[in-house]
Amino acid sequence: YRPSAADKPRPVHTINGSGIAIGRTIVAILENYQQADGSVVIPEALRPYMRGLERIEAVEL
């Protein structure tokens, strides 16, 4: 993004994840990391953002 032709390029910012398709991203993680028991392993790259959580497991109500 350049405000004018004479300006240097500036980074483009997105708000609320509008730069990626959040829903499709979550579905892709669920499809690719779901285990036979129904749990979902959190990819290592995402664990720091999930407070170190390694697996999402179903809770019986």
PDB file of N, CA and C in Angstrom:
ATOM      1  N   TYR A   1       0.838  -1.176   0.000  1.00  0.00           N
ATOM      2  CA  TYR A   1       0.000   0.000   0.000  1.00  0.00           C
ATOM      3  C   TYR A   1       0.880   1.235   0.000  1.00  0.00           C
ATOM      4  N   ARG A   2       0.623   2.146  -0.879  1.00  0.00           N
ATOM      5  CA  ARG A   2       1.317   3.441  -0.925  1.00  0.00           C
ATOM      6  C   ARG A   2       0.264   4.548  -0.902  1.00  0.00           C
ATOM      7  N   PRO A   3       0.329   5.420   0.101  1.00  0.00           N
ATOM      8  CA  PRO A   3      -0.641   6.525   0.142  1.00  0.00           C
ATOM      9  C   PRO A   3      -0.578   7.395  -1.111  1.00  0.00           C
ATOM     10  N   SER A   4       0.622   7.583  -1.619  1.00  0.00           N
ATOM     11  CA  SER A   4       0.776   8.315  -2.881  1.00  0.00           C
ATOM     12  C   SER A   4       1.983   7.742  -3.606  1.00  0.00           C
ATOM     13  N   ALA A   5       2.137   8.051  -4.855  1.00  0.00           N
ATOM     14  CA  ALA A   5       3.225   7.489  -5.656  1.00  0.00           C
ATOM     15  C   ALA A   5       4.597   7.844  -5.110  1.00  0.00           C
ATOM     16  N   ALA A   6       4.727   8.962  -4.421  1.00  0.00           N
ATOM     17  CA  ALA A   6       6.019   9.396  -3.892  1.00  0.00           C
ATOM     18  C   ALA A   6       6.358   8.747  -2.548  1.00  0.00           C
ATOM     19  N   ASP A   7       5.383   8.152  -1.876  1.00  0.00           N
ATOM     20  CA  ASP A   7       5.606   7.559  -0.551  1.00  0.00           C
ATOM     21  C   ASP A   7       6.222   6.172  -0.644  1.00  0.00           C
ATOM     22  N   LYS A   8       6.874   5.753   0.461  1.00  0.00           N
ATOM     23  CA  LYS A   8       7.397   4.394   0.570  1.00  0.00           C
ATOM     24  C   LYS A   8       6.231   3.439   0.838  1.00  0.00           C
ATOM     25  N   PRO A   9       6.413   2.159   0.493  1.00  0.00           N
ATOM     26  CA  PRO A   9       5.352   1.190   0.783  1.00  0.00           C
ATOM     27  C   PRO A   9       5.137   1.056   2.295  1.00  0.00           C
ATOM     28  N   ARG A  10       3.890   0.879   2.692  1.00  0.00           N
ATOM     29  CA  ARG A  10       3.523   0.659   4.093  1.00  0.00           C
ATOM     30  C   ARG A  10       2.868  -0.717   4.216  1.00  0.00           C
ATOM     31  N   PRO A  11       3.011  -1.362   5.386  1.00  0.00           N
ATOM     32  CA  PRO A  11       2.342  -2.655   5.565  1.00  0.00           C
ATOM     33  C   PRO A  11       0.824  -2.492   5.543  1.00  0.00           C
ATOM     34  N   VAL A  12       0.175  -3.480   5.007  1.00  0.00           N
ATOM     35  CA  VAL A  12      -1.285  -3.489   5.010  1.00  0.00           C
ATOM     36  C   VAL A  12      -1.729  -4.219   6.270  1.00  0.00           C
ATOM     37  N   HIS A  13      -2.692  -3.677   6.981  1.00  0.00           N
ATOM     38  CA  HIS A  13      -3.186  -4.288   8.210  1.00  0.00           C
ATOM     39  C   HIS A  13      -4.569  -4.874   7.978  1.00  0.00           C
ATOM     40  N   THR A  14      -4.872  -5.940   8.710  1.00  0.00           N
ATOM     41  CA  THR A  14      -6.205  -6.522   8.657  1.00  0.00           C
ATOM     42  C   THR A  14      -6.815  -6.446  10.048  1.00  0.00           C
ATOM     43  N   ILE A  15      -8.124  -6.485  10.106  1.00  0.00           N
ATOM     44  CA  ILE A  15      -8.830  -6.414  11.377  1.00  0.00           C
ATOM     45  C   ILE A  15      -9.637  -7.695  11.558  1.00  0.00           C
ATOM     46  N   ASN A  16      -9.569  -8.269  12.749  1.00  0.00           N
ATOM     47  CA  ASN A  16     -10.385  -9.429  13.105  1.00  0.00           C
ATOM     48  C   ASN A  16     -10.198 -10.620  12.168  1.00  0.00           C
ATOM     49  N   GLY A  17      -8.993 -10.875  11.734  1.00  0.00           N
ATOM     50  CA  GLY A  17      -8.735 -12.033  10.898  1.00  0.00           C
ATOM     51  C   GLY A  17      -9.308 -11.944   9.500  1.00  0.00           C
ATOM     52  N   SER A  18      -9.562 -10.753   9.020  1.00  0.00           N
ATOM     53  CA  SER A  18     -10.159 -10.619   7.692  1.00  0.00           C
ATOM     54  C   SER A  18      -9.178 -10.970   6.572  1.00  0.00           C
ATOM     55  N   GLY A  19      -7.918 -11.201   6.909  1.00  0.00           N
ATOM     56  CA  GLY A  19      -6.924 -11.535   5.894  1.00  0.00           C
ATOM     57  C   GLY A  19      -6.921 -13.003   5.507  1.00  0.00           C
ATOM     58  N   ILE A  20      -7.529 -13.867   6.350  1.00  0.00           N
ATOM     59  CA  ILE A  20      -7.610 -15.297   6.031  1.00  0.00           C
ATOM     60  C   ILE A  20      -9.027 -15.786   6.314  1.00  0.00           C
ATOM     61  N   ALA A  21      -9.366 -16.908   5.758  1.00  0.00           N
ATOM     62  CA  ALA A  21     -10.681 -17.500   5.997  1.00  0.00           C
ATOM     63  C   ALA A  21     -10.609 -18.321   7.283  1.00  0.00           C
ATOM     64  N   ILE A  22     -10.983 -17.732   8.396  1.00  0.00           N
ATOM     65  CA  ILE A  22     -10.855 -18.376   9.705  1.00  0.00           C
ATOM     66  C   ILE A  22     -11.611 -19.698   9.754  1.00  0.00           C
ATOM     67  N   GLY A  23     -12.839 -19.704   9.287  1.00  0.00           N
ATOM     68  CA  GLY A  23     -13.634 -20.929   9.338  1.00  0.00           C
ATOM     69  C   GLY A  23     -12.987 -22.083   8.599  1.00  0.00           C
ATOM     70  N   ARG A  24     -12.500 -21.809   7.403  1.00  0.00           N
ATOM     71  CA  ARG A  24     -11.846 -22.874   6.616  1.00  0.00           C
ATOM     72  C   ARG A  24     -10.544 -23.320   7.260  1.00  0.00           C
ATOM     73  N   THR A  25      -9.849 -22.397   7.913  1.00  0.00           N
ATOM     74  CA  THR A  25      -8.601 -22.747   8.595  1.00  0.00           C
ATOM     75  C   THR A  25      -8.878 -23.700   9.750  1.00  0.00           C
ATOM     76  N   ILE A  26      -9.905 -23.407  10.540  1.00  0.00           N
ATOM     77  CA  ILE A  26     -10.255 -24.273  11.669  1.00  0.00           C
ATOM     78  C   ILE A  26     -10.699 -25.644  11.174  1.00  0.00           C
ATOM     79  N   VAL A  27     -11.515 -25.682  10.131  1.00  0.00           N
ATOM     80  CA  VAL A  27     -11.963 -26.962   9.577  1.00  0.00           C
ATOM     81  C   VAL A  27     -10.771 -27.776   9.089  1.00  0.00           C
ATOM     82  N   ALA A  28      -9.801 -27.145   8.445  1.00  0.00           N
ATOM     83  CA  ALA A  28      -8.615 -27.859   7.955  1.00  0.00           C
ATOM     84  C   ALA A  28      -7.825 -28.460   9.114  1.00  0.00           C
ATOM     85  N   ILE A  29      -7.693 -27.717  10.209  1.00  0.00           N
ATOM     86  CA  ILE A  29      -6.978 -28.246  11.382  1.00  0.00           C
ATOM     87  C   ILE A  29      -7.743 -29.432  11.957  1.00  0.00           C
ATOM     88  N   LEU A  30      -9.061 -29.301  12.101  1.00  0.00           N
ATOM     89  CA  LEU A  30      -9.858 -30.403  12.643  1.00  0.00           C
ATOM     90  C   LEU A  30      -9.771 -31.640  11.759  1.00  0.00           C
ATOM     91  N   GLU A  31      -9.868 -31.464  10.454  1.00  0.00           N
ATOM     92  CA  GLU A  31      -9.813 -32.605   9.535  1.00  0.00           C
ATOM     93  C   GLU A  31      -8.460 -33.298   9.543  1.00  0.00           C
ATOM     94  N   ASN A  32      -7.394 -32.536   9.659  1.00  0.00           N
ATOM     95  CA  ASN A  32      -6.061 -33.115   9.540  1.00  0.00           C
ATOM     96  C   ASN A  32      -5.459 -33.590  10.852  1.00  0.00           C
ATOM     97  N   TYR A  33      -5.980 -33.131  11.977  1.00  0.00           N
ATOM     98  CA  TYR A  33      -5.371 -33.481  13.258  1.00  0.00           C
ATOM     99  C   TYR A  33      -6.306 -34.251  14.180  1.00  0.00           C
ATOM    100  N   GLN A  34      -7.500 -34.630  13.711  1.00  0.00           N
ATOM    101  CA  GLN A  34      -8.405 -35.413  14.541  1.00  0.00           C
ATOM    102  C   GLN A  34      -7.881 -36.838  14.656  1.00  0.00           C
ATOM    103  N   GLN A  35      -7.966 -37.385  15.864  1.00  0.00           N
ATOM    104  CA  GLN A  35      -7.478 -38.725  16.150  1.00  0.00           C
ATOM    105  C   GLN A  35      -8.647 -39.714  16.143  1.00  0.00           C
ATOM    106  N   ALA A  36      -8.337 -41.007  16.180  1.00  0.00           N
ATOM    107  CA  ALA A  36      -9.362 -42.053  16.138  1.00  0.00           C
ATOM    108  C   ALA A  36     -10.333 -41.951  17.308  1.00  0.00           C
ATOM    109  N   ASP A  37      -9.869 -41.465  18.456  1.00  0.00           N
ATOM    110  CA  ASP A  37     -10.740 -41.353  19.635  1.00  0.00           C
ATOM    111  C   ASP A  37     -11.577 -40.074  19.631  1.00  0.00           C
ATOM    112  N   GLY A  38     -11.463 -39.265  18.576  1.00  0.00           N
ATOM    113  CA  GLY A  38     -12.235 -38.035  18.465  1.00  0.00           C
ATOM    114  C   GLY A  38     -11.519 -36.798  18.963  1.00  0.00           C
ATOM    115  N   SER A  39     -10.405 -36.967  19.646  1.00  0.00           N
ATOM    116  CA  SER A  39      -9.643 -35.810  20.125  1.00  0.00           C
ATOM    117  C   SER A  39      -8.932 -35.149  18.944  1.00  0.00           C
ATOM    118  N   VAL A  40      -8.474 -33.933  19.175  1.00  0.00           N
ATOM    119  CA  VAL A  40      -7.761 -33.192  18.136  1.00  0.00           C
ATOM    120  C   VAL A  40      -6.415 -32.769  18.701  1.00  0.00           C
ATOM    121  N   VAL A  41      -5.331 -33.164  18.044  1.00  0.00           N
ATOM    122  CA  VAL A  41      -3.984 -32.769  18.451  1.00  0.00           C
ATOM    123  C   VAL A  41      -3.735 -31.363  17.915  1.00  0.00           C
ATOM    124  N   ILE A  42      -3.250 -30.485  18.787  1.00  0.00           N
ATOM    125  CA  ILE A  42      -2.948 -29.117  18.383  1.00  0.00           C
ATOM    126  C   ILE A  42      -1.595 -29.126  17.667  1.00  0.00           C
ATOM    127  N   PRO A  43      -1.505 -28.592  16.460  1.00  0.00           N
ATOM    128  CA  PRO A  43      -0.214 -28.538  15.765  1.00  0.00           C
ATOM    129  C   PRO A  43       0.817 -27.778  16.614  1.00  0.00           C
ATOM    130  N   GLU A  44       2.047 -28.245  16.594  1.00  0.00           N
ATOM    131  CA  GLU A  44       3.103 -27.633  17.414  1.00  0.00           C
ATOM    132  C   GLU A  44       3.231 -26.139  17.175  1.00  0.00           C
ATOM    133  N   ALA A  45       3.063 -25.704  15.943  1.00  0.00           N
ATOM    134  CA  ALA A  45       3.206 -24.278  15.629  1.00  0.00           C
ATOM    135  C   ALA A  45       2.139 -23.427  16.308  1.00  0.00           C
ATOM    136  N   LEU A  46       0.997 -24.020  16.651  1.00  0.00           N
ATOM    137  CA  LEU A  46      -0.093 -23.264  17.275  1.00  0.00           C
ATOM    138  C   LEU A  46      -0.109 -23.365  18.794  1.00  0.00           C
ATOM    139  N   ARG A  47       0.638 -24.291  19.369  1.00  0.00           N
ATOM    140  CA  ARG A  47       0.607 -24.505  20.820  1.00  0.00           C
ATOM    141  C   ARG A  47       0.963 -23.272  21.641  1.00  0.00           C
ATOM    142  N   PRO A  48       1.931 -22.450  21.236  1.00  0.00           N
ATOM    143  CA  PRO A  48       2.207 -21.249  22.036  1.00  0.00           C
ATOM    144  C   PRO A  48       0.999 -20.309  22.122  1.00  0.00           C
ATOM    145  N   TYR A  49       0.143 -20.336  21.115  1.00  0.00           N
ATOM    146  CA  TYR A  49      -1.046 -19.480  21.113  1.00  0.00           C
ATOM    147  C   TYR A  49      -2.219 -20.125  21.844  1.00  0.00           C
ATOM    148  N   MET A  50      -2.060 -21.398  22.206  1.00  0.00           N
ATOM    149  CA  MET A  50      -3.102 -22.144  22.913  1.00  0.00           C
ATOM    150  C   MET A  50      -2.675 -22.434  24.349  1.00  0.00           C
ATOM    151  N   ARG A  51      -1.771 -21.600  24.874  1.00  0.00           N
ATOM    152  CA  ARG A  51      -1.263 -21.740  26.249  1.00  0.00           C
ATOM    153  C   ARG A  51      -0.650 -23.113  26.486  1.00  0.00           C
ATOM    154  N   GLY A  52       0.002 -23.654  25.470  1.00  0.00           N
ATOM    155  CA  GLY A  52       0.698 -24.925  25.602  1.00  0.00           C
ATOM    156  C   GLY A  52      -0.190 -26.153  25.497  1.00  0.00           C
ATOM    157  N   LEU A  53      -1.484 -25.968  25.243  1.00  0.00           N
ATOM    158  CA  LEU A  53      -2.401 -27.097  25.121  1.00  0.00           C
ATOM    159  C   LEU A  53      -1.950 -27.997  23.977  1.00  0.00           C
ATOM    160  N   GLU A  54      -1.883 -29.300  24.235  1.00  0.00           N
ATOM    161  CA  GLU A  54      -1.419 -30.237  23.222  1.00  0.00           C
ATOM    162  C   GLU A  54      -2.552 -30.987  22.534  1.00  0.00           C
ATOM    163  N   ARG A  55      -3.684 -31.100  23.210  1.00  0.00           N
ATOM    164  CA  ARG A  55      -4.780 -31.903  22.672  1.00  0.00           C
ATOM    165  C   ARG A  55      -6.111 -31.331  23.159  1.00  0.00           C
ATOM    166  N   ILE A  56      -7.107 -31.365  22.281  1.00  0.00           N
ATOM    167  CA  ILE A  56      -8.473 -31.002  22.657  1.00  0.00           C
ATOM    168  C   ILE A  56      -9.259 -32.305  22.727  1.00  0.00           C
ATOM    169  N   GLU A  57      -9.835 -32.567  23.894  1.00  0.00           N
ATOM    170  CA  GLU A  57     -10.578 -33.805  24.087  1.00  0.00           C
ATOM    171  C   GLU A  57     -12.037 -33.498  24.404  1.00  0.00           C
ATOM    172  N   ALA A  58     -12.904 -34.415  24.028  1.00  0.00           N
ATOM    173  CA  ALA A  58     -14.328 -34.256  24.308  1.00  0.00           C
ATOM    174  C   ALA A  58     -14.573 -34.372  25.807  1.00  0.00           C
ATOM    175  N   VAL A  59     -15.537 -33.610  26.283  1.00  0.00           N
ATOM    176  CA  VAL A  59     -15.937 -33.667  27.685  1.00  0.00           C
ATOM    177  C   VAL A  59     -17.368 -34.177  27.727  1.00  0.00           C
ATOM    178  N   GLU A  60     -17.590 -35.226  28.509  1.00  0.00           N
ATOM    179  CA  GLU A  60     -18.948 -35.755  28.632  1.00  0.00           C
ATOM    180  C   GLU A  60     -19.745 -34.872  29.567  1.00  0.00           C
ATOM    181  N   LEU A  61     -20.949 -34.546  29.131  1.00  0.00           N
ATOM    182  CA  LEU A  61     -21.820 -33.700  29.950  1.00  0.00           C
ATOM    183  C   LEU A  61     -22.857 -34.515  30.671  1.00  0.00           C
TER     184      LEU A  61
END
